[in-house]
Protein backbone atom coordinates (compact mmCIF):
# COMPACT_ATOMS: atom_id res chain seq x y z
CA UNK A 1 -17.74 0.99 -40.75
CA UNK A 2 -18.22 4.80 -40.13
CA UNK A 3 -15.70 7.18 -41.64
CA UNK A 4 -12.88 8.44 -39.40
CA UNK A 5 -14.08 11.49 -37.31
CA UNK A 6 -12.58 14.77 -38.40
CA UNK A 7 -11.49 15.30 -34.78
CA UNK A 8 -9.30 12.17 -35.41
CA UNK A 9 -7.95 13.41 -38.95
CA UNK A 10 -10.84 12.28 -41.10
CA UNK A 11 -12.46 14.25 -43.84
CA UNK A 12 -15.30 16.56 -42.49
CA UNK A 13 -18.77 15.57 -43.76
CA UNK A 14 -19.52 19.29 -44.65
CA UNK A 15 -17.16 20.67 -47.16
CA UNK A 16 -15.37 23.91 -46.22
CA UNK A 17 -17.24 26.91 -47.54
CA UNK A 18 -20.47 24.96 -48.47
CA UNK A 19 -22.54 27.00 -45.79
CA UNK A 20 -23.70 30.26 -47.14
CA UNK A 21 -24.74 33.31 -45.13
CA UNK A 22 -27.99 35.05 -44.75
CA UNK A 23 -29.67 37.12 -46.38
CA UNK A 24 -29.40 36.17 -50.22
CA UNK A 25 -28.97 39.41 -51.98
CA UNK A 26 -30.44 39.59 -55.51
CA UNK A 27 -30.08 42.07 -58.28
CA UNK A 28 -33.68 43.20 -57.36
CA UNK A 29 -32.41 44.10 -53.99
CA UNK A 30 -29.52 46.05 -55.44
CA UNK A 31 -31.77 48.02 -57.84
CA UNK A 32 -34.22 48.71 -55.01
CA UNK A 33 -31.73 50.18 -52.86
CA UNK A 34 -30.05 52.18 -55.51
CA UNK A 35 -33.43 53.62 -56.72
CA UNK A 36 -33.52 55.65 -53.43
CA UNK A 37 -30.94 57.94 -54.79
CA UNK A 38 -33.37 58.89 -57.52
CA UNK A 39 -35.71 60.50 -55.12
CA UNK A 40 -35.09 63.33 -52.54
CA UNK A 41 -36.05 61.76 -49.13
CA UNK A 42 -33.46 59.70 -47.46
CA UNK A 43 -35.20 59.33 -44.15
CA UNK A 44 -38.45 59.47 -41.99
CA UNK A 45 -41.48 57.41 -42.08
CA UNK A 46 -42.97 59.62 -44.81
CA UNK A 47 -40.56 58.95 -47.56
CA UNK A 48 -42.02 56.89 -50.53
CA UNK A 49 -40.25 53.55 -49.67
CA UNK A 50 -40.94 53.75 -46.00
CA UNK A 51 -44.55 54.65 -46.53
CA UNK A 52 -45.03 51.71 -48.88
CA UNK A 53 -43.24 49.18 -46.39
CA UNK A 54 -45.81 50.34 -43.67
CA UNK A 55 -48.64 49.92 -45.77
CA UNK A 56 -47.55 46.52 -47.06
CA UNK A 57 -46.44 45.13 -43.68
CA UNK A 58 -49.76 46.21 -41.99
CA UNK A 59 -51.55 44.29 -44.90
CA UNK A 60 -49.34 41.38 -44.64
CA UNK A 61 -50.01 41.14 -40.76
CA UNK A 62 -53.72 41.92 -41.00
CA UNK A 63 -53.21 44.87 -38.92
CA UNK A 64 -54.67 48.40 -39.34
CA UNK A 65 -51.38 50.49 -38.56
CA UNK A 66 -47.60 49.93 -39.04
CA UNK A 67 -44.71 52.10 -37.98
CA UNK A 68 -41.26 51.84 -39.44
CA UNK A 69 -38.48 52.57 -37.00
CA UNK A 70 -34.73 52.38 -36.83
CA UNK A 71 -34.45 49.22 -34.76
CA UNK A 72 -36.38 46.30 -33.25
CA UNK A 73 -35.60 47.28 -29.63
CA UNK A 74 -36.97 50.71 -30.42
CA UNK A 75 -40.12 49.44 -31.75
CA UNK A 76 -40.59 47.31 -28.57
CA UNK A 77 -39.91 50.42 -26.52
CA UNK A 78 -42.56 52.45 -28.59
CA UNK A 79 -45.03 49.59 -28.16
CA UNK A 80 -44.72 49.62 -24.46
CA UNK A 81 -45.05 53.37 -24.27
CA UNK A 82 -48.00 53.13 -26.71
CA UNK A 83 -49.91 50.91 -24.42
CA UNK A 84 -49.24 53.41 -21.51
CA UNK A 85 -46.45 51.70 -19.46
CA UNK A 86 -45.11 54.30 -17.08
CA UNK A 87 -42.19 54.42 -14.61
CA UNK A 88 -42.36 51.92 -11.91
CA UNK A 89 -45.04 49.82 -13.78
CA UNK A 90 -44.34 46.10 -14.22
CA UNK A 91 -44.19 44.20 -17.41
CA UNK A 92 -44.34 40.32 -17.34
CA UNK A 93 -41.75 38.72 -19.87
CA UNK A 94 -40.17 35.37 -20.31
CA UNK A 95 -37.00 34.57 -18.36
CA UNK A 96 -35.26 33.33 -21.68
CA UNK A 97 -35.27 35.74 -24.46
CA UNK A 98 -32.76 38.17 -26.18
CA UNK A 99 -31.53 40.90 -24.02
CA UNK A 100 -33.65 43.44 -26.05
CA UNK A 101 -36.94 42.20 -24.59
CA UNK A 102 -35.84 43.23 -21.07
CA UNK A 103 -33.95 46.35 -22.40
CA UNK A 104 -37.02 47.89 -23.96
CA UNK A 105 -38.76 47.54 -20.42
CA UNK A 106 -35.83 49.13 -18.75
CA UNK A 107 -35.96 51.88 -21.38
CA UNK A 108 -39.46 52.59 -20.37
CA UNK A 109 -38.19 52.87 -16.68
CA UNK A 110 -40.43 49.98 -15.94
CA UNK A 111 -39.95 46.69 -13.99
CA UNK A 112 -39.31 43.39 -15.70
CA UNK A 113 -41.27 40.50 -14.06
CA UNK A 114 -39.76 37.29 -15.41
CA UNK A 115 -41.72 34.12 -15.84
CA UNK A 116 -40.41 30.67 -16.75
CA UNK A 117 -40.76 29.08 -20.30
CA UNK A 118 -42.57 26.06 -21.70
CA UNK A 119 -40.21 23.02 -22.08
CA UNK A 120 -40.78 22.54 -25.80
CA UNK A 121 -41.50 25.91 -27.48
CA UNK A 122 -39.25 27.68 -25.16
CA UNK A 123 -41.73 30.59 -25.24
CA UNK A 124 -43.45 32.08 -21.82
CA UNK A 125 -45.55 29.50 -20.19
CA UNK A 126 -49.11 30.82 -19.96
CA UNK A 127 -49.79 28.77 -16.96
CA UNK A 128 -47.27 30.76 -14.89
CA UNK A 129 -48.54 34.20 -15.98
CA UNK A 130 -51.37 34.65 -13.80
CA UNK A 131 -49.51 34.16 -10.47
CA UNK A 132 -47.06 36.94 -11.67
CA UNK A 133 -49.74 39.53 -12.14
CA UNK A 134 -50.05 42.34 -9.44
CA UNK A 135 -51.84 45.73 -9.23
CA UNK A 136 -48.80 47.21 -10.87
CA UNK A 137 -48.88 44.94 -13.99
CA UNK A 138 -49.07 47.11 -17.01
CA UNK A 139 -48.43 44.84 -19.86
CA UNK A 140 -47.67 41.24 -20.69
CA UNK A 141 -44.82 40.58 -23.29
CA UNK A 142 -44.86 37.18 -24.91
CA UNK A 143 -41.77 36.59 -27.07
CA UNK A 144 -41.94 34.44 -30.27
CA UNK A 145 -38.52 33.05 -29.65
CA UNK A 146 -36.53 31.48 -32.58
CA UNK A 147 -39.61 32.20 -34.75
CA UNK A 148 -41.78 29.92 -32.63
CA UNK A 149 -45.26 31.45 -32.02
CA UNK A 150 -45.91 31.68 -28.20
CA UNK A 151 -49.49 30.37 -27.25
CA UNK A 152 -51.18 33.70 -27.90
CA UNK A 153 -54.93 32.66 -27.25
CA UNK A 154 -54.09 31.44 -23.86
CA UNK A 155 -52.00 34.66 -22.99
CA UNK A 156 -54.73 37.02 -24.47
CA UNK A 157 -57.50 35.18 -22.45
CA UNK A 158 -55.54 36.06 -19.19
CA UNK A 159 -54.84 39.42 -20.25
CA UNK A 160 -58.42 40.27 -21.05
CA UNK A 161 -59.59 38.84 -17.63
CA UNK A 162 -57.45 41.31 -15.86
CA UNK A 163 -57.64 44.31 -18.44
CA UNK A 164 -53.91 44.08 -19.19
CA UNK A 165 -52.52 44.91 -22.75
CA UNK A 166 -50.50 42.33 -24.49
CA UNK A 167 -47.28 43.66 -26.32
CA UNK A 168 -45.81 40.78 -28.24
CA UNK A 169 -42.04 40.67 -29.23
CA UNK A 170 -41.83 39.25 -32.74
CA UNK A 171 -38.37 40.36 -33.54
CA UNK A 172 -37.56 36.86 -34.72
CA UNK A 173 -40.93 35.84 -36.11
CA UNK A 174 -41.58 37.64 -39.36
CA UNK A 175 -44.15 35.62 -41.16
CA UNK A 176 -44.79 33.03 -38.41
CA UNK A 177 -48.55 31.91 -37.93
CA UNK A 178 -50.53 31.17 -34.92
CA UNK A 179 -53.56 28.74 -35.56
CA UNK A 180 -53.38 29.83 -39.35
CA UNK A 181 -53.24 33.78 -38.39
CA UNK A 182 -50.17 35.65 -39.12
CA UNK A 183 -48.19 37.16 -36.13
CA UNK A 184 -48.62 40.91 -36.04
CA UNK A 185 -52.38 41.58 -35.81
CA UNK A 186 -53.35 39.19 -32.81
CA UNK A 187 -52.50 41.22 -29.84
CA UNK A 188 -52.72 45.00 -28.89
CA UNK A 189 -49.35 45.75 -30.36
CA UNK A 190 -46.45 43.87 -31.96
CA UNK A 191 -42.82 44.74 -32.48
CA UNK A 192 -40.49 43.29 -35.23
CA UNK A 193 -36.88 43.64 -36.09
CA UNK A 194 -35.27 44.17 -39.46
CA UNK A 195 -31.86 43.32 -38.45
CA UNK A 196 -29.52 41.85 -40.93
CA UNK A 197 -29.92 38.36 -39.47
CA UNK A 198 -33.84 38.43 -39.20
CA UNK A 199 -36.02 36.47 -41.63
CA UNK A 200 -37.24 39.88 -43.16
CA UNK A 201 -34.17 42.19 -43.25
CA UNK A 202 -33.51 45.89 -44.02
CA UNK A 203 -29.91 45.58 -42.66
CA UNK A 204 -31.22 47.16 -39.54
CA UNK A 205 -34.54 48.59 -38.41
CA UNK A 206 -37.76 47.78 -36.92
CA UNK A 207 -41.64 47.53 -37.41
CA UNK A 208 -44.56 48.13 -35.13
CA UNK A 209 -48.14 46.85 -35.92
CA UNK A 210 -51.37 47.53 -34.18
CA UNK A 211 -55.14 47.74 -34.67
CA UNK A 212 -55.61 50.49 -32.18
CA UNK A 213 -55.77 54.27 -33.28
CA UNK A 214 -54.67 55.31 -29.77
CA UNK A 215 -51.75 53.06 -29.52
CA UNK A 216 -50.51 53.94 -33.04
CA UNK A 217 -50.81 57.76 -32.28
CA UNK A 218 -48.92 57.47 -28.99
CA UNK A 219 -46.34 55.16 -30.43
CA UNK A 220 -45.77 57.31 -33.36
CA UNK A 221 -45.32 60.35 -31.11
CA UNK A 222 -42.80 58.61 -28.93
CA UNK A 223 -40.86 57.37 -31.90
CA UNK A 224 -40.73 60.85 -33.28
CA UNK A 225 -40.15 64.04 -31.30
CA UNK A 226 -42.97 63.63 -28.84
CA UNK A 227 -45.59 65.59 -30.67
CA UNK A 228 -49.13 64.22 -30.65
CA UNK A 229 -52.49 65.91 -31.53
CA UNK A 230 -55.61 64.72 -29.73
CA UNK A 231 -59.05 65.55 -30.82
CA UNK A 232 -61.30 66.25 -27.77
CA UNK A 233 -65.00 67.21 -27.47
CA UNK A 234 -64.36 71.05 -28.10
CA UNK A 235 -61.15 71.14 -30.12
CA UNK A 236 -57.87 69.60 -31.13
CA UNK A 237 -54.86 69.96 -28.76
CA UNK A 238 -51.33 69.31 -29.58
CA UNK A 239 -49.10 67.97 -26.73
CA UNK A 240 -45.29 67.66 -26.73
CA UNK A 241 -43.81 64.81 -24.63
CA UNK A 242 -40.66 62.80 -24.58
CA UNK A 243 -39.89 61.66 -28.06
CA UNK A 244 -37.07 59.56 -28.87
CA UNK A 245 -36.42 60.22 -32.60
CA UNK A 246 -36.69 56.71 -33.68
CA UNK A 247 -36.78 57.67 -37.33
CA UNK A 248 -35.88 55.25 -40.11
CA UNK A 249 -33.84 55.44 -43.22
CA UNK A 250 -35.10 55.07 -46.70
CA UNK A 251 -32.41 52.60 -47.73
CA UNK A 252 -33.70 50.16 -44.87
CA UNK A 253 -37.20 50.40 -46.34
CA UNK A 254 -36.02 49.87 -49.89
CA UNK A 255 -34.17 46.56 -49.08
CA UNK A 256 -36.88 45.32 -46.78
CA UNK A 257 -39.47 45.94 -49.39
CA UNK A 258 -37.56 43.94 -51.97
CA UNK A 259 -36.96 41.07 -49.45
CA UNK A 260 -40.75 41.14 -48.54
CA UNK A 261 -41.50 39.94 -52.15
CA UNK A 262 -39.56 36.63 -51.16
CA UNK A 263 -40.42 36.31 -47.50
CA UNK A 264 -42.91 33.55 -47.84
CA UNK A 265 -40.78 31.53 -50.28
CA UNK A 266 -37.81 31.85 -47.92
CA UNK A 267 -39.85 31.03 -44.78
CA UNK A 268 -41.32 27.92 -46.64
CA UNK A 269 -37.75 26.74 -47.55
CA UNK A 270 -36.61 27.14 -43.82
CA UNK A 271 -39.57 25.00 -42.87
CA UNK A 272 -38.68 22.38 -45.33
CA UNK A 273 -35.14 22.15 -44.19
CA UNK A 274 -36.20 22.16 -40.38
CA UNK A 275 -38.79 19.52 -40.87
CA UNK A 276 -36.27 17.19 -42.73
CA UNK A 277 -33.72 17.74 -39.87
CA UNK A 278 -36.22 17.05 -37.26
CA UNK A 279 -37.40 13.90 -38.78
CA UNK A 280 -33.81 12.65 -39.33
CA UNK A 281 -32.82 13.30 -35.68
CA UNK A 282 -36.02 11.66 -34.40
CA UNK A 283 -34.50 8.31 -35.41
CA UNK A 284 -31.20 8.87 -33.64
CA UNK A 285 -30.27 9.15 -29.94
CA UNK A 286 -28.18 11.84 -28.28
CA UNK A 287 -29.54 14.99 -29.99
CA UNK A 288 -33.10 15.91 -30.96
CA UNK A 289 -34.30 18.82 -33.14
CA UNK A 290 -37.10 21.48 -32.84
CA UNK A 291 -40.56 20.42 -31.59
CA UNK A 292 -43.45 22.30 -33.12
CA UNK A 293 -46.96 22.28 -31.29
CA UNK A 294 -50.19 21.89 -33.46
CA UNK A 295 -51.07 25.57 -33.16
CA UNK A 296 -47.84 26.78 -34.76
CA UNK A 297 -46.36 27.42 -38.06
CA UNK A 298 -42.84 28.61 -37.09
CA UNK A 299 -40.27 30.36 -39.38
CA UNK A 300 -37.19 28.90 -37.63
CA UNK A 301 -35.09 32.03 -37.31
CA UNK A 302 -32.86 29.62 -35.51
CA UNK A 303 -33.06 25.93 -35.63
CA UNK A 304 -32.84 24.60 -32.06
CA UNK A 305 -31.06 21.15 -31.24
CA UNK A 306 -31.04 19.67 -27.76
CA UNK A 307 -28.22 17.54 -26.34
CA UNK A 308 -29.42 14.44 -24.45
CA UNK A 309 -26.77 12.28 -22.92
CA UNK A 310 -29.39 10.32 -21.01
CA UNK A 311 -30.86 8.75 -24.11
CA UNK A 312 -27.31 7.06 -24.70
CA UNK A 313 -27.18 5.91 -20.97
CA UNK A 314 -24.02 7.80 -20.53
CA UNK A 315 -22.58 8.62 -17.09
CA UNK A 316 -21.35 12.10 -18.20
CA UNK A 317 -22.33 15.70 -16.90
CA UNK A 318 -24.48 17.38 -19.60
CA UNK A 319 -22.16 20.26 -20.05
CA UNK A 320 -19.20 17.83 -20.85
CA UNK A 321 -21.35 15.93 -23.10
CA UNK A 322 -22.44 19.05 -25.06
CA UNK A 323 -19.02 20.57 -25.23
CA UNK A 324 -17.47 17.45 -26.86
CA UNK A 325 -20.22 16.76 -29.10
CA UNK A 326 -20.41 20.36 -30.20
CA UNK A 327 -16.61 20.40 -30.82
CA UNK A 328 -16.79 17.13 -32.86
CA UNK A 329 -19.64 18.45 -35.05
CA UNK A 330 -17.88 21.79 -35.72
CA UNK A 331 -14.90 19.76 -36.76
CA UNK A 332 -17.12 18.02 -39.23
CA UNK A 333 -18.02 21.43 -40.74
CA UNK A 334 -21.41 21.76 -39.07
CA UNK A 335 -21.70 25.36 -37.65
CA UNK A 336 -23.19 25.62 -34.17
CA UNK A 337 -23.79 28.68 -31.99
CA UNK A 338 -25.37 29.87 -28.89
CA UNK A 339 -26.17 33.55 -28.85
CA UNK A 340 -27.23 33.69 -25.05
CA UNK A 341 -25.18 31.87 -22.49
CA UNK A 342 -27.45 33.11 -19.54
CA UNK A 343 -31.08 33.64 -18.96
CA UNK A 344 -31.90 37.37 -18.57
CA UNK A 345 -32.27 37.51 -14.71
CA UNK A 346 -28.93 35.86 -14.39
CA UNK A 347 -27.12 38.73 -16.25
CA UNK A 348 -24.85 41.13 -14.37
CA UNK A 349 -27.22 43.97 -15.35
CA UNK A 350 -29.73 42.45 -12.71
CA UNK A 351 -27.19 40.94 -10.33
CA UNK A 352 -23.99 43.30 -10.07
CA UNK A 353 -24.93 46.10 -7.66
CA UNK A 354 -21.80 48.16 -8.80
CA UNK A 355 -23.88 49.01 -11.87
CA UNK A 356 -27.50 49.65 -12.67
CA UNK A 357 -28.74 47.29 -10.20
CA UNK A 358 -27.71 49.72 -7.50
CA UNK A 359 -30.42 52.21 -8.41
CA UNK A 360 -32.72 50.27 -10.65
CA UNK A 361 -36.14 51.08 -11.96
CA UNK A 362 -37.73 48.40 -9.97
CA UNK A 363 -36.94 50.29 -6.69
CA UNK A 364 -39.68 52.83 -7.89
CA UNK A 365 -42.75 52.83 -5.88
CA UNK A 366 -41.45 50.35 -3.24
CA UNK A 367 -41.09 47.35 -5.37
CA UNK A 368 -39.63 44.40 -3.74
CA UNK A 369 -38.92 42.27 -6.74
CA UNK A 370 -35.73 40.23 -6.79
CA UNK A 371 -34.15 38.34 -9.50
CA UNK A 372 -32.96 34.83 -8.37
CA UNK A 373 -31.95 32.74 -11.41
CA UNK A 374 -32.95 29.62 -9.64
CA UNK A 375 -36.58 30.71 -9.83
CA UNK A 376 -36.59 29.91 -13.53
CA UNK A 377 -35.67 26.20 -13.66
CA UNK A 378 -36.85 25.53 -17.31
CA UNK A 379 -35.22 28.63 -18.74
CA UNK A 380 -31.85 27.52 -17.16
CA UNK A 381 -32.17 24.08 -18.43
CA UNK A 382 -32.75 25.30 -21.91
CA UNK A 383 -29.54 27.30 -21.84
CA UNK A 384 -27.64 24.27 -20.38
CA UNK A 385 -28.91 21.67 -22.86
CA UNK A 386 -29.59 23.47 -26.16
CA UNK A 387 -27.74 25.11 -28.91
CA UNK A 388 -28.40 26.45 -32.50
CA UNK A 389 -27.67 24.98 -35.91
CA UNK A 390 -26.69 27.75 -38.26
CA UNK A 391 -27.26 27.70 -42.01
CA UNK A 392 -30.89 26.32 -41.99
CA UNK A 393 -31.97 29.04 -44.35
CA UNK A 394 -31.69 30.03 -47.91
CA UNK A 395 -29.53 30.29 -50.14
CA UNK A 396 -28.60 26.94 -48.56
CA UNK A 397 -30.72 23.92 -49.53
CA UNK A 398 -31.35 20.24 -48.75
CA UNK A 399 -28.06 19.20 -50.07
CA UNK A 400 -26.51 20.88 -46.97
CA UNK A 401 -29.14 19.49 -44.68
CA UNK A 402 -28.12 16.02 -45.92
CA UNK A 403 -24.61 16.65 -45.12
CA UNK A 404 -25.56 17.96 -41.82
CA UNK A 405 -27.33 14.63 -41.04
CA UNK A 406 -24.43 12.69 -42.24
CA UNK A 407 -22.34 14.51 -39.71
CA UNK A 408 -24.67 13.91 -36.96
CA UNK A 409 -24.74 10.23 -37.75
CA UNK A 410 -21.05 9.99 -38.11
CA UNK A 411 -20.50 11.63 -34.66
CA UNK A 412 -23.19 9.86 -32.78
CA UNK A 413 -22.23 6.38 -34.08
CA UNK A 414 -18.73 6.95 -32.77
CA UNK A 415 -19.69 8.68 -29.53
CA UNK A 416 -17.22 6.66 -27.44
CA UNK A 417 -14.44 8.28 -29.55
CA UNK A 418 -16.04 11.75 -29.17
CA UNK A 419 -16.20 11.47 -25.51
CA UNK A 420 -12.70 10.17 -25.19
């Protein structure tokens, strides 16, 4: 007979304080950060640690250039400006992503054109991109959401047919691979985040990678103070444009460099834990884990779970089933979260005409784009049916994953009690 549910007074399957937070901080990390105070520069890309991080990250991604910035959103903004996105241009982006993907487009005074997602990877659906292309399309922005690579080859093929650059948002995908190739050198330009929660962290910051000299120069200029020198047929000329002063700190670079030494090890441990959970949930009904396509080697920034009441043949609304099972799992000590309750086009930013939507960038040049959330069925279904299992990362290990599986089994075997 199963143990008494924690919601009914039983002992939780996961002991209190067993789940440890990310990132693991070692003595090497502490020494690296403190070493910054033994040198003079404390900021800019040209300080010793920042320069080393740029070189190492470019090498890691197989890219020619890297720029360190003070944030992931800033890196994405620089990437868009680097490929020549101008006010009123359109940028294709998935309807489900973190807000920063759209925010960077808005920062460039451009128009987000949302496209629905694939049902299993939750990345942009390549089959829906072509119909969204117009003469105003200036970039396509796939997002490697949750550390899951988007189908890059399919996206790049479409982009090349139309002569459109690809700016991929890899804020959550440091170290992820697509068909054996590391994300970061596969498109025109890629943006990463170094936020504290990311697989590679510097507490806060960002990285941009590209193989293009021209994109590198333009992105570097806009991330600085707008100064760029262009060599023409007769002479060099220096131009001053709009710079955003996205300069980084040396402390960020030092921490990220130290963490980079363990990135592959930590990502491998994330995959081991995720694979274990996926296999365990595959043999149960009511909840499933992450699905990985053949082309992808994800890094599981977030481990995705899907609530499926239909598998249990239950006559209950999805929202009620999700809420009650979620509460039961949390009572068992399993930490669950959902960092985005809406798809991007459903957010007040695009819907409330009392704010920015009254005079938006998408009104430039006579654009008639509208943002009806019902146009993105799969993205809406994802938000409704999914959540994230926290703690699937070092310094946690397989002992915690076993406790998670025990909790899932305990809850699902007593689903009638859970649902009341």
